[in-house]
Amino acid sequence: MNGEYYNMDVTPISHEITNLCLTPKQLADRWGITRVWLYTLKKKGQVPKYRTRGIGKKAHISFPLAEVEKFESEHFGLKG
């Protein structure tokens, strides 16, 4: 199986894993900050790339896990 996951029809589902997204609450919890602070950072452009569904105040955003990990490695990585 080479580390890939399979669903019932035995096709690789690794593409599903790469499409995982975090909600703003999940990202705030991951970073140990409040959602209010996360939205403040978002307004300043200091968050990972995100997806928006909907329009206006009813819009929902989500952060693709791959973008979060990339952002974290670029901004939170230890510099030696």
C-alpha atoms as a PDB file:
ATOM      1  CA  MET A   1       0.000   0.000   0.000  1.00  0.00           C
ATOM      2  CA  ASN A   2       3.045   2.296   0.146  1.00  0.00           C
ATOM      3  CA  GLY A   3       1.616   4.601   2.817  1.00  0.00           C
ATOM      4  CA  GLU A   4      -1.450   5.540   0.775  1.00  0.00           C
ATOM      5  CA  TYR A   5      -4.941   5.163   2.153  1.00  0.00           C
ATOM      6  CA  TYR A   6      -7.629   3.372   0.176  1.00  0.00           C
ATOM      7  CA  ASN A   7     -11.388   3.615   0.251  1.00  0.00           C
ATOM      8  CA  MET A   8     -13.696   0.637  -0.242  1.00  0.00           C
ATOM      9  CA  ASP A   9     -13.253   0.469  -4.025  1.00  0.00           C
ATOM     10  CA  VAL A  10      -9.453   0.238  -3.567  1.00  0.00           C
ATOM     11  CA  THR A  11      -8.569   3.553  -5.192  1.00  0.00           C
ATOM     12  CA  PRO A  12      -6.014   5.859  -3.605  1.00  0.00           C
ATOM     13  CA  ILE A  13      -7.587   8.641  -1.568  1.00  0.00           C
ATOM     14  CA  SER A  14      -4.395  10.558  -0.884  1.00  0.00           C
ATOM     15  CA  HIS A  15      -5.914  13.457  -2.855  1.00  0.00           C
ATOM     16  CA  GLU A  16      -8.572  13.739  -0.143  1.00  0.00           C
ATOM     17  CA  ILE A  17      -5.882  14.089   2.494  1.00  0.00           C
ATOM     18  CA  THR A  18      -4.216  16.932   0.605  1.00  0.00           C
ATOM     19  CA  ASN A  19      -7.567  18.749   0.394  1.00  0.00           C
ATOM     20  CA  LEU A  20      -8.085  18.905   4.169  1.00  0.00           C
ATOM     21  CA  CYS A  21      -8.962  22.353   5.452  1.00  0.00           C
ATOM     22  CA  LEU A  22      -9.028  23.947   8.873  1.00  0.00           C
ATOM     23  CA  THR A  23     -11.781  26.217  10.116  1.00  0.00           C
ATOM     24  CA  PRO A  24     -10.762  29.533  11.656  1.00  0.00           C
ATOM     25  CA  LYS A  25     -11.407  28.044  15.116  1.00  0.00           C
ATOM     26  CA  GLN A  26      -9.207  25.035  14.363  1.00  0.00           C
ATOM     27  CA  LEU A  27      -6.391  27.265  13.096  1.00  0.00           C
ATOM     28  CA  ALA A  28      -6.677  29.590  16.099  1.00  0.00           C
ATOM     29  CA  ASP A  29      -6.552  26.570  18.432  1.00  0.00           C
ATOM     30  CA  ARG A  30      -3.557  25.191  16.546  1.00  0.00           C
ATOM     31  CA  TRP A  31      -1.699  28.489  16.973  1.00  0.00           C
ATOM     32  CA  GLY A  32      -2.879  29.064  20.549  1.00  0.00           C
ATOM     33  CA  ILE A  33      -4.633  32.359  19.768  1.00  0.00           C
ATOM     34  CA  THR A  34      -8.232  33.574  19.790  1.00  0.00           C
ATOM     35  CA  ARG A  35     -10.408  33.715  16.691  1.00  0.00           C
ATOM     36  CA  VAL A  36     -10.620  37.482  17.157  1.00  0.00           C
ATOM     37  CA  TRP A  37      -6.817  37.730  16.933  1.00  0.00           C
ATOM     38  CA  LEU A  38      -6.819  35.402  13.908  1.00  0.00           C
ATOM     39  CA  TYR A  39      -9.259  37.710  12.113  1.00  0.00           C
ATOM     40  CA  THR A  40      -7.066  40.688  13.062  1.00  0.00           C
ATOM     41  CA  LEU A  41      -4.099  38.907  11.472  1.00  0.00           C
ATOM     42  CA  LYS A  42      -6.259  38.098   8.425  1.00  0.00           C
ATOM     43  CA  LYS A  43      -7.062  41.794   7.945  1.00  0.00           C
ATOM     44  CA  LYS A  44      -3.310  42.504   8.048  1.00  0.00           C
ATOM     45  CA  GLY A  45      -2.605  39.770   5.486  1.00  0.00           C
ATOM     46  CA  GLN A  46      -0.642  37.688   8.000  1.00  0.00           C
ATOM     47  CA  VAL A  47      -2.390  34.346   7.591  1.00  0.00           C
ATOM     48  CA  PRO A  48      -2.020  31.456   5.137  1.00  0.00           C
ATOM     49  CA  LYS A  49      -3.899  31.453   1.847  1.00  0.00           C
ATOM     50  CA  TYR A  50      -7.537  30.590   2.425  1.00  0.00           C
ATOM     51  CA  ARG A  51     -10.708  29.681   0.571  1.00  0.00           C
ATOM     52  CA  THR A  52     -13.948  31.623   0.778  1.00  0.00           C
ATOM     53  CA  ARG A  53     -17.431  30.188   0.286  1.00  0.00           C
ATOM     54  CA  GLY A  54     -20.310  32.601   0.104  1.00  0.00           C
ATOM     55  CA  ILE A  55     -20.551  36.368  -0.042  1.00  0.00           C
ATOM     56  CA  GLY A  56     -20.428  39.112   2.547  1.00  0.00           C
ATOM     57  CA  LYS A  57     -20.972  38.509   6.250  1.00  0.00           C
ATOM     58  CA  LYS A  58     -22.361  35.033   5.571  1.00  0.00           C
ATOM     59  CA  ALA A  59     -19.132  33.921   3.857  1.00  0.00           C
ATOM     60  CA  HIS A  60     -17.219  31.027   5.374  1.00  0.00           C
ATOM     61  CA  ILE A  61     -13.464  30.726   5.118  1.00  0.00           C
ATOM     62  CA  SER A  62     -11.264  27.666   5.433  1.00  0.00           C
ATOM     63  CA  PHE A  63      -7.525  27.222   5.429  1.00  0.00           C
ATOM     64  CA  PRO A  64      -6.085  24.343   3.359  1.00  0.00           C
ATOM     65  CA  LEU A  65      -3.810  22.317   5.617  1.00  0.00           C
ATOM     66  CA  ALA A  66      -1.035  22.319   3.006  1.00  0.00           C
ATOM     67  CA  GLU A  67      -1.072  26.146   2.956  1.00  0.00           C
ATOM     68  CA  VAL A  68      -1.079  26.279   6.767  1.00  0.00           C
ATOM     69  CA  GLU A  69       1.938  23.975   6.982  1.00  0.00           C
ATOM     70  CA  LYS A  70       3.755  25.954   4.280  1.00  0.00           C
ATOM     71  CA  PHE A  71       3.016  29.236   6.061  1.00  0.00           C
ATOM     72  CA  GLU A  72       4.151  27.818   9.402  1.00  0.00           C
ATOM     73  CA  SER A  73       7.439  26.553   7.977  1.00  0.00           C
ATOM     74  CA  GLU A  74       8.124  29.903   6.297  1.00  0.00           C
ATOM     75  CA  HIS A  75       7.126  32.127   9.223  1.00  0.00           C
ATOM     76  CA  PHE A  76       7.481  30.068  12.392  1.00  0.00           C
ATOM     77  CA  GLY A  77      10.515  27.950  11.481  1.00  0.00           C
ATOM     78  CA  LEU A  78      13.547  28.148  13.704  1.00  0.00           C
ATOM     79  CA  LYS A  79      16.375  30.041  12.147  1.00  0.00           C
ATOM     80  CA  GLY A  80      19.797  28.765  13.092  1.00  0.00           C
END
